[in-house]
Amino acid sequence: MEIKHCAAIITGAASGMGLATARRLSQLGAKVSLLDLDQTGAEKIAAEIQGQAVYCDVTDAKSVENAIEQAKQHFGPARICINCAGIVHARRLINQHGPMPLEEFQKVITVNLLGTVNVMRLAAAAMIPLPLAPQSSEERGIIINTASVAAFEGQIGQTAYSASKGGIVSLTLPAARELAQFGIRVMTIAPGLVDTPMFEKISPEARAALAAMVPFPKRLAKPEEYAMLAQQIIENPMLNGAVIRLDGALRMQA
């Protein structure tokens, strides 16, 4: 799909990989709506890239419906949907304080997995009535979700996070099969260690130790490299129903 002139919605667009992707797609001529709980942060980026900031709680059906409608009213219906919204979590199922509270596990699943599905279903429904994309006789839209290498090699303390990201991995192929009849592709990116704001609280020594775990290149991935891969997925119509790891050959240990 040609990115230029396409409307795109990106969740979690006020920071990290979502922000980098918003900038890249805008540079390529897309009309980008930045969906985020942090509307102030999204507005700053929107002003920078001539985009639109939209408040969105991915866990709330009405909030997502409103956000997609606002994006449509401003830039037209979106043919590109990229889900970057999510939270991190680290806690053992059982620790010195007892079992993990069920609501804690539920929150991670609700934000990361159900939030992704919530946006997917509504974005796809909005794409289905569209004519085939310009310069394309084959497709109407593309949905890119964000998982994690934790879906495959979850570490101790990552049961909730790994389950949420594993769900995204597992739904990729069946969702692509279901939406194929409408000319809508579904892909997932599974990043490894990415230099996003969550790493800002980590000491330089800890950052260096994490970087040393990556076979090559021996560093944290850059959010811009996620954005680069997202661009390549959008532009290549044969990429569908698959999960691509973006991890420098990293395989996490227990």
C-alpha atoms as a PDB file:
ATOM      1  CA  MET A   1       0.000   0.000   0.000  1.00  0.00           C
ATOM      2  CA  GLU A   2       1.228   3.464  -0.813  1.00  0.00           C
ATOM      3  CA  ILE A   3       1.538   5.517   2.382  1.00  0.00           C
ATOM      4  CA  LYS A   4       1.329   8.975   0.849  1.00  0.00           C
ATOM      5  CA  HIS A   5      -2.082  10.602   1.366  1.00  0.00           C
ATOM      6  CA  CYS A   6      -3.346   7.653   3.459  1.00  0.00           C
ATOM      7  CA  ALA A   7      -5.036   8.354   6.775  1.00  0.00           C
ATOM      8  CA  ALA A   8      -3.446   6.467   9.687  1.00  0.00           C
ATOM      9  CA  ILE A   9      -4.408   5.939  13.316  1.00  0.00           C
ATOM     10  CA  ILE A  10      -1.706   5.035  15.844  1.00  0.00           C
ATOM     11  CA  THR A  11      -2.454   4.132  19.444  1.00  0.00           C
ATOM     12  CA  GLY A  12       0.122   4.894  22.116  1.00  0.00           C
ATOM     13  CA  ALA A  13       1.398   7.589  19.777  1.00  0.00           C
ATOM     14  CA  ALA A  14       2.550  10.094  22.392  1.00  0.00           C
ATOM     15  CA  SER A  15       5.778   8.250  23.188  1.00  0.00           C
ATOM     16  CA  GLY A  16       8.169   5.478  22.231  1.00  0.00           C
ATOM     17  CA  MET A  17       7.508   3.334  19.185  1.00  0.00           C
ATOM     18  CA  GLY A  18       4.127   4.916  18.492  1.00  0.00           C
ATOM     19  CA  LEU A  19       5.653   8.390  18.431  1.00  0.00           C
ATOM     20  CA  ALA A  20       8.499   7.313  16.135  1.00  0.00           C
ATOM     21  CA  THR A  21       6.004   5.666  13.793  1.00  0.00           C
ATOM     22  CA  ALA A  22       3.781   8.735  13.721  1.00  0.00           C
ATOM     23  CA  ARG A  23       6.754  10.867  12.726  1.00  0.00           C
ATOM     24  CA  ARG A  24       7.903   8.463  10.037  1.00  0.00           C
ATOM     25  CA  LEU A  25       4.500   8.006   8.410  1.00  0.00           C
ATOM     26  CA  SER A  26       3.945  11.759   8.456  1.00  0.00           C
ATOM     27  CA  GLN A  27       7.286  12.288   6.711  1.00  0.00           C
ATOM     28  CA  LEU A  28       6.096   9.826   4.060  1.00  0.00           C
ATOM     29  CA  GLY A  29       2.941  11.844   3.450  1.00  0.00           C
ATOM     30  CA  ALA A  30       0.395  10.070   5.646  1.00  0.00           C
ATOM     31  CA  LYS A  31      -2.292  11.959   7.551  1.00  0.00           C
ATOM     32  CA  VAL A  32      -1.727  10.766  11.093  1.00  0.00           C
ATOM     33  CA  SER A  33      -4.125  10.724  14.047  1.00  0.00           C
ATOM     34  CA  LEU A  34      -2.332  10.144  17.349  1.00  0.00           C
ATOM     35  CA  LEU A  35      -4.542   8.223  19.786  1.00  0.00           C
ATOM     36  CA  ASP A  36      -3.373   8.259  23.389  1.00  0.00           C
ATOM     37  CA  LEU A  37      -4.453   8.667  27.011  1.00  0.00           C
ATOM     38  CA  ASP A  38      -1.811  11.401  27.214  1.00  0.00           C
ATOM     39  CA  GLN A  39      -3.578  13.968  25.087  1.00  0.00           C
ATOM     40  CA  THR A  40      -1.160  16.745  26.053  1.00  0.00           C
ATOM     41  CA  GLY A  41       1.807  14.691  24.875  1.00  0.00           C
ATOM     42  CA  ALA A  42      -0.048  13.685  21.717  1.00  0.00           C
ATOM     43  CA  GLU A  43      -0.903  17.308  20.974  1.00  0.00           C
ATOM     44  CA  LYS A  44       2.773  18.300  21.079  1.00  0.00           C
ATOM     45  CA  ILE A  45       3.652  15.643  18.516  1.00  0.00           C
ATOM     46  CA  ALA A  46       0.585  16.409  16.419  1.00  0.00           C
ATOM     47  CA  ALA A  47       1.641  20.049  16.174  1.00  0.00           C
ATOM     48  CA  GLU A  48       5.107  18.953  15.082  1.00  0.00           C
ATOM     49  CA  ILE A  49       3.877  16.650  12.288  1.00  0.00           C
ATOM     50  CA  GLN A  50       0.659  18.430  11.305  1.00  0.00           C
ATOM     51  CA  GLY A  51      -1.321  15.523  12.684  1.00  0.00           C
ATOM     52  CA  GLN A  52      -4.300  15.260  14.996  1.00  0.00           C
ATOM     53  CA  ALA A  53      -4.254  14.338  18.680  1.00  0.00           C
ATOM     54  CA  VAL A  54      -7.220  12.314  19.935  1.00  0.00           C
ATOM     55  CA  TYR A  55      -7.860  11.164  23.493  1.00  0.00           C
ATOM     56  CA  CYS A  56      -8.350   7.402  23.509  1.00  0.00           C
ATOM     57  CA  ASP A  57      -8.675   4.735  26.186  1.00  0.00           C
ATOM     58  CA  VAL A  58      -8.148   1.507  24.257  1.00  0.00           C
ATOM     59  CA  THR A  59      -9.900  -0.522  26.967  1.00  0.00           C
ATOM     60  CA  ASP A  60     -13.172   1.386  26.511  1.00  0.00           C
ATOM     61  CA  ALA A  61     -15.317   0.561  23.482  1.00  0.00           C
ATOM     62  CA  LYS A  62     -17.028   3.963  23.350  1.00  0.00           C
ATOM     63  CA  SER A  63     -13.742   5.827  23.702  1.00  0.00           C
ATOM     64  CA  VAL A  64     -12.262   3.953  20.738  1.00  0.00           C
ATOM     65  CA  GLU A  65     -15.407   4.447  18.664  1.00  0.00           C
ATOM     66  CA  ASN A  66     -15.266   8.183  19.334  1.00  0.00           C
ATOM     67  CA  ALA A  67     -11.540   8.355  18.587  1.00  0.00           C
ATOM     68  CA  ILE A  68     -11.895   6.565  15.253  1.00  0.00           C
ATOM     69  CA  GLU A  69     -14.807   8.818  14.311  1.00  0.00           C
ATOM     70  CA  GLN A  70     -12.847  11.956  15.238  1.00  0.00           C
ATOM     71  CA  ALA A  71      -9.927  10.761  13.142  1.00  0.00           C
ATOM     72  CA  LYS A  72     -12.286  10.055  10.239  1.00  0.00           C
ATOM     73  CA  GLN A  73     -13.879  13.501  10.447  1.00  0.00           C
ATOM     74  CA  HIS A  74     -10.475  15.183  10.423  1.00  0.00           C
ATOM     75  CA  PHE A  75      -8.480  13.152   7.890  1.00  0.00           C
ATOM     76  CA  GLY A  76     -10.947  10.727   6.329  1.00  0.00           C
ATOM     77  CA  PRO A  77     -11.274   6.994   7.022  1.00  0.00           C
ATOM     78  CA  ALA A  78      -8.044   5.334   8.087  1.00  0.00           C
ATOM     79  CA  ARG A  79      -6.509   2.624   5.928  1.00  0.00           C
ATOM     80  CA  ILE A  80      -3.565   2.191   8.317  1.00  0.00           C
ATOM     81  CA  CYS A  81      -4.005   1.167  11.966  1.00  0.00           C
ATOM     82  CA  ILE A  82      -0.999   0.608  14.213  1.00  0.00           C
ATOM     83  CA  ASN A  83      -1.455  -0.540  17.800  1.00  0.00           C
ATOM     84  CA  CYS A  84       1.386   0.526  20.092  1.00  0.00           C
ATOM     85  CA  ALA A  85      -0.590   1.212  23.265  1.00  0.00           C
ATOM     86  CA  GLY A  86       0.348  -1.053  26.155  1.00  0.00           C
ATOM     87  CA  ILE A  87       1.752  -1.353  29.637  1.00  0.00           C
ATOM     88  CA  VAL A  88       4.677  -3.288  31.122  1.00  0.00           C
ATOM     89  CA  HIS A  89       4.393  -5.471  34.188  1.00  0.00           C
ATOM     90  CA  ALA A  90       6.719  -7.511  36.375  1.00  0.00           C
ATOM     91  CA  ARG A  91       5.512  -9.666  39.260  1.00  0.00           C
ATOM     92  CA  ARG A  92       5.672 -13.345  40.098  1.00  0.00           C
ATOM     93  CA  LEU A  93       2.452 -15.340  40.380  1.00  0.00           C
ATOM     94  CA  ILE A  94       3.485 -16.040  43.972  1.00  0.00           C
ATOM     95  CA  ASN A  95       5.895 -13.868  45.949  1.00  0.00           C
ATOM     96  CA  GLN A  96       6.636 -13.152  49.613  1.00  0.00           C
ATOM     97  CA  HIS A  97       3.339 -11.295  49.880  1.00  0.00           C
ATOM     98  CA  GLY A  98       1.297 -14.200  48.507  1.00  0.00           C
ATOM     99  CA  PRO A  99      -0.475 -14.768  45.177  1.00  0.00           C
ATOM    100  CA  MET A 100      -0.593 -12.029  42.564  1.00  0.00           C
ATOM    101  CA  PRO A 101      -3.917 -10.177  42.930  1.00  0.00           C
ATOM    102  CA  LEU A 102      -6.210 -11.333  40.144  1.00  0.00           C
ATOM    103  CA  GLU A 103      -7.137  -7.761  39.241  1.00  0.00           C
ATOM    104  CA  GLU A 104      -3.453  -7.022  38.588  1.00  0.00           C
ATOM    105  CA  PHE A 105      -3.246  -9.832  36.031  1.00  0.00           C
ATOM    106  CA  GLN A 106      -6.581  -8.759  34.555  1.00  0.00           C
ATOM    107  CA  LYS A 107      -5.398  -5.183  34.060  1.00  0.00           C
ATOM    108  CA  VAL A 108      -2.424  -6.270  31.956  1.00  0.00           C
ATOM    109  CA  ILE A 109      -4.625  -8.515  29.805  1.00  0.00           C
ATOM    110  CA  THR A 110      -7.249  -5.792  29.498  1.00  0.00           C
ATOM    111  CA  VAL A 111      -4.862  -3.083  28.347  1.00  0.00           C
ATOM    112  CA  ASN A 112      -2.467  -5.082  26.184  1.00  0.00           C
ATOM    113  CA  LEU A 113      -4.653  -7.789  24.666  1.00  0.00           C
ATOM    114  CA  LEU A 114      -8.258  -6.640  24.902  1.00  0.00           C
ATOM    115  CA  GLY A 115      -7.222  -3.058  24.127  1.00  0.00           C
ATOM    116  CA  THR A 116      -5.537  -4.238  20.935  1.00  0.00           C
ATOM    117  CA  VAL A 117      -8.559  -6.324  19.931  1.00  0.00           C
ATOM    118  CA  ASN A 118     -10.895  -3.425  20.714  1.00  0.00           C
ATOM    119  CA  VAL A 119      -9.070  -1.122  18.303  1.00  0.00           C
ATOM    120  CA  MET A 120      -8.627  -3.866  15.696  1.00  0.00           C
ATOM    121  CA  ARG A 121     -12.301  -4.748  15.453  1.00  0.00           C
ATOM    122  CA  LEU A 122     -13.456  -1.147  15.150  1.00  0.00           C
ATOM    123  CA  ALA A 123     -10.693  -0.081  12.755  1.00  0.00           C
ATOM    124  CA  ALA A 124     -11.361  -3.086  10.514  1.00  0.00           C
ATOM    125  CA  ALA A 125     -15.109  -2.434  10.511  1.00  0.00           C
ATOM    126  CA  ALA A 126     -14.413   1.127   9.345  1.00  0.00           C
ATOM    127  CA  MET A 127     -12.105  -0.122   6.557  1.00  0.00           C
ATOM    128  CA  ILE A 128     -14.469  -2.724   5.085  1.00  0.00           C
ATOM    129  CA  PRO A 129     -16.814  -0.265   3.262  1.00  0.00           C
ATOM    130  CA  LEU A 130     -13.893   1.588   1.656  1.00  0.00           C
ATOM    131  CA  PRO A 131     -13.021   1.227  -2.018  1.00  0.00           C
ATOM    132  CA  LEU A 132      -9.711  -0.444  -2.784  1.00  0.00           C
ATOM    133  CA  ALA A 133      -6.763   1.754  -1.943  1.00  0.00           C
ATOM    134  CA  PRO A 134      -5.468   4.073  -4.677  1.00  0.00           C
ATOM    135  CA  GLN A 135      -2.594   2.602  -6.708  1.00  0.00           C
ATOM    136  CA  SER A 136      -3.733  -0.826  -5.501  1.00  0.00           C
ATOM    137  CA  SER A 137      -6.117  -3.378  -6.960  1.00  0.00           C
ATOM    138  CA  GLU A 138      -5.802  -5.668  -3.966  1.00  0.00           C
ATOM    139  CA  GLU A 139      -6.197  -4.080  -0.549  1.00  0.00           C
ATOM    140  CA  ARG A 140      -8.255  -1.763   1.590  1.00  0.00           C
ATOM    141  CA  GLY A 141      -6.157  -1.509   4.707  1.00  0.00           C
ATOM    142  CA  ILE A 142      -3.493  -2.816   7.051  1.00  0.00           C
ATOM    143  CA  ILE A 143      -3.482  -3.413  10.813  1.00  0.00           C
ATOM    144  CA  ILE A 144      -0.150  -3.761  12.618  1.00  0.00           C
ATOM    145  CA  ASN A 145      -0.127  -4.897  16.237  1.00  0.00           C
ATOM    146  CA  THR A 146       2.699  -4.857  18.767  1.00  0.00           C
ATOM    147  CA  ALA A 147       3.617  -7.964  20.744  1.00  0.00           C
ATOM    148  CA  SER A 148       6.975  -8.697  22.385  1.00  0.00           C
ATOM    149  CA  VAL A 149       9.683 -11.346  22.468  1.00  0.00           C
ATOM    150  CA  ALA A 150       8.208 -12.063  25.919  1.00  0.00           C
ATOM    151  CA  ALA A 151       5.425 -13.846  24.035  1.00  0.00           C
ATOM    152  CA  PHE A 152       8.005 -16.514  23.180  1.00  0.00           C
ATOM    153  CA  GLU A 153      10.601 -16.377  26.003  1.00  0.00           C
ATOM    154  CA  GLY A 154       8.852 -14.867  28.959  1.00  0.00           C
ATOM    155  CA  GLN A 155      11.092 -14.302  31.947  1.00  0.00           C
ATOM    156  CA  ILE A 156      10.393 -14.924  35.605  1.00  0.00           C
ATOM    157  CA  GLY A 157       7.887 -12.316  36.706  1.00  0.00           C
ATOM    158  CA  GLN A 158       6.378 -11.915  33.242  1.00  0.00           C
ATOM    159  CA  THR A 159       3.423 -14.289  33.389  1.00  0.00           C
ATOM    160  CA  ALA A 160       0.831 -11.536  32.913  1.00  0.00           C
ATOM    161  CA  TYR A 161       2.837  -9.580  30.348  1.00  0.00           C
ATOM    162  CA  SER A 162       3.790 -12.688  28.367  1.00  0.00           C
ATOM    163  CA  ALA A 163       0.195 -13.923  28.356  1.00  0.00           C
ATOM    164  CA  SER A 164      -1.037 -10.584  27.038  1.00  0.00           C
ATOM    165  CA  LYS A 165       1.557 -10.450  24.266  1.00  0.00           C
ATOM    166  CA  GLY A 166       1.188 -14.144  23.478  1.00  0.00           C
ATOM    167  CA  GLY A 167      -2.484 -13.525  22.822  1.00  0.00           C
ATOM    168  CA  ILE A 168      -1.588 -10.878  20.246  1.00  0.00           C
ATOM    169  CA  VAL A 169       0.788 -13.297  18.542  1.00  0.00           C
ATOM    170  CA  SER A 170      -1.842 -16.044  18.462  1.00  0.00           C
ATOM    171  CA  LEU A 171      -4.615 -13.915  16.995  1.00  0.00           C
ATOM    172  CA  THR A 172      -2.476 -12.613  14.113  1.00  0.00           C
ATOM    173  CA  LEU A 173      -3.036 -15.470  11.665  1.00  0.00           C
ATOM    174  CA  PRO A 174      -6.754 -16.097  12.300  1.00  0.00           C
ATOM    175  CA  ALA A 175      -7.467 -12.369  12.145  1.00  0.00           C
ATOM    176  CA  ALA A 176      -5.588 -12.129   8.838  1.00  0.00           C
ATOM    177  CA  ARG A 177      -7.564 -15.081   7.491  1.00  0.00           C
ATOM    178  CA  GLU A 178     -10.876 -13.567   8.576  1.00  0.00           C
ATOM    179  CA  LEU A 179     -10.143 -10.146   7.092  1.00  0.00           C
ATOM    180  CA  ALA A 180      -8.563 -11.441   3.870  1.00  0.00           C
ATOM    181  CA  GLN A 181     -11.914 -11.424   2.072  1.00  0.00           C
ATOM    182  CA  PHE A 182     -12.098  -7.663   2.632  1.00  0.00           C
ATOM    183  CA  GLY A 183      -8.557  -6.923   1.463  1.00  0.00           C
ATOM    184  CA  ILE A 184      -7.326  -6.062   4.969  1.00  0.00           C
ATOM    185  CA  ARG A 185      -3.966  -7.396   6.153  1.00  0.00           C
ATOM    186  CA  VAL A 186      -2.970  -8.108   9.757  1.00  0.00           C
ATOM    187  CA  MET A 187       0.645  -8.225  10.930  1.00  0.00           C
ATOM    188  CA  THR A 188       2.416  -8.196  14.281  1.00  0.00           C
ATOM    189  CA  ILE A 189       5.812  -6.844  15.301  1.00  0.00           C
ATOM    190  CA  ALA A 190       7.453  -8.489  18.325  1.00  0.00           C
ATOM    191  CA  PRO A 191      10.170  -6.121  19.573  1.00  0.00           C
ATOM    192  CA  GLY A 192      12.972  -7.128  21.881  1.00  0.00           C
ATOM    193  CA  LEU A 193      14.654  -4.507  24.071  1.00  0.00           C
ATOM    194  CA  VAL A 194      13.693  -1.088  22.729  1.00  0.00           C
ATOM    195  CA  ASP A 195      15.040   2.217  24.065  1.00  0.00           C
ATOM    196  CA  THR A 196      11.675   3.692  25.052  1.00  0.00           C
ATOM    197  CA  PRO A 197      10.825   5.921  28.048  1.00  0.00           C
ATOM    198  CA  MET A 198      10.483   2.909  30.357  1.00  0.00           C
ATOM    199  CA  PHE A 199      14.278   2.484  30.156  1.00  0.00           C
ATOM    200  CA  GLU A 200      14.917   6.041  31.359  1.00  0.00           C
ATOM    201  CA  LYS A 201      14.607   4.914  34.998  1.00  0.00           C
ATOM    202  CA  ILE A 202      17.223   2.198  34.566  1.00  0.00           C
ATOM    203  CA  SER A 203      20.814   2.900  35.581  1.00  0.00           C
ATOM    204  CA  PRO A 204      23.531   3.142  32.903  1.00  0.00           C
ATOM    205  CA  GLU A 205      25.036  -0.073  34.262  1.00  0.00           C
ATOM    206  CA  ALA A 206      21.744  -1.943  33.893  1.00  0.00           C
ATOM    207  CA  ARG A 207      21.247  -0.557  30.391  1.00  0.00           C
ATOM    208  CA  ALA A 208      24.709  -1.745  29.410  1.00  0.00           C
ATOM    209  CA  ALA A 209      23.994  -5.214  30.819  1.00  0.00           C
ATOM    210  CA  LEU A 210      20.757  -5.434  28.833  1.00  0.00           C
ATOM    211  CA  ALA A 211      22.456  -4.260  25.652  1.00  0.00           C
ATOM    212  CA  ALA A 212      25.150  -6.912  26.125  1.00  0.00           C
ATOM    213  CA  MET A 213      22.455  -9.609  25.945  1.00  0.00           C
ATOM    214  CA  VAL A 214      21.701  -8.746  22.306  1.00  0.00           C
ATOM    215  CA  PRO A 215      23.889 -10.774  19.894  1.00  0.00           C
ATOM    216  CA  PHE A 216      24.017  -8.090  17.189  1.00  0.00           C
ATOM    217  CA  PRO A 217      23.896  -5.172  17.143  1.00  0.00           C
ATOM    218  CA  LYS A 218      24.902  -5.017  20.807  1.00  0.00           C
ATOM    219  CA  ARG A 219      22.554  -2.251  21.885  1.00  0.00           C
ATOM    220  CA  LEU A 220      18.930  -1.546  22.586  1.00  0.00           C
ATOM    221  CA  ALA A 221      16.759  -1.191  19.508  1.00  0.00           C
ATOM    222  CA  LYS A 222      15.710   2.322  18.518  1.00  0.00           C
ATOM    223  CA  PRO A 223      12.014   3.248  18.276  1.00  0.00           C
ATOM    224  CA  GLU A 224      12.814   4.495  14.777  1.00  0.00           C
ATOM    225  CA  GLU A 225      13.716   0.923  13.787  1.00  0.00           C
ATOM    226  CA  TYR A 226      10.227  -0.197  14.768  1.00  0.00           C
ATOM    227  CA  ALA A 227       8.845   2.629  12.627  1.00  0.00           C
ATOM    228  CA  MET A 228      11.042   1.557   9.714  1.00  0.00           C
ATOM    229  CA  LEU A 229       9.693  -1.996   9.918  1.00  0.00           C
ATOM    230  CA  ALA A 230       6.113  -0.715  10.129  1.00  0.00           C
ATOM    231  CA  GLN A 231       6.699   1.234   6.912  1.00  0.00           C
ATOM    232  CA  GLN A 232       8.053  -1.842   5.158  1.00  0.00           C
ATOM    233  CA  ILE A 233       5.073  -3.926   6.277  1.00  0.00           C
ATOM    234  CA  ILE A 234       2.619  -1.335   4.997  1.00  0.00           C
ATOM    235  CA  GLU A 235       4.337  -1.113   1.631  1.00  0.00           C
ATOM    236  CA  ASN A 236       4.722  -4.861   0.983  1.00  0.00           C
ATOM    237  CA  PRO A 237       1.329  -6.492   0.252  1.00  0.00           C
ATOM    238  CA  MET A 238       2.659 -10.029   0.662  1.00  0.00           C
ATOM    239  CA  LEU A 239       3.380  -9.479   4.352  1.00  0.00           C
ATOM    240  CA  ASN A 240       0.257 -10.825   6.003  1.00  0.00           C
ATOM    241  CA  GLY A 241      -0.698 -13.038   8.935  1.00  0.00           C
ATOM    242  CA  ALA A 242       2.829 -13.188  10.353  1.00  0.00           C
ATOM    243  CA  VAL A 243       4.826 -12.074  13.371  1.00  0.00           C
ATOM    244  CA  ILE A 244       8.197 -10.422  12.785  1.00  0.00           C
ATOM    245  CA  ARG A 245      10.716 -10.295  15.622  1.00  0.00           C
ATOM    246  CA  LEU A 246      12.705  -7.075  15.917  1.00  0.00           C
ATOM    247  CA  ASP A 247      15.318  -8.137  18.430  1.00  0.00           C
ATOM    248  CA  GLY A 248      18.860  -8.477  17.046  1.00  0.00           C
ATOM    249  CA  ALA A 249      18.659 -12.285  17.530  1.00  0.00           C
ATOM    250  CA  LEU A 250      17.955 -11.846  21.256  1.00  0.00           C
ATOM    251  CA  ARG A 251      16.570 -14.878  23.101  1.00  0.00           C
ATOM    252  CA  MET A 252      15.619 -13.992  26.643  1.00  0.00           C
ATOM    253  CA  GLN A 253      16.850 -16.176  29.517  1.00  0.00           C
ATOM    254  CA  ALA A 254      14.750 -17.114  32.528  1.00  0.00           C
END
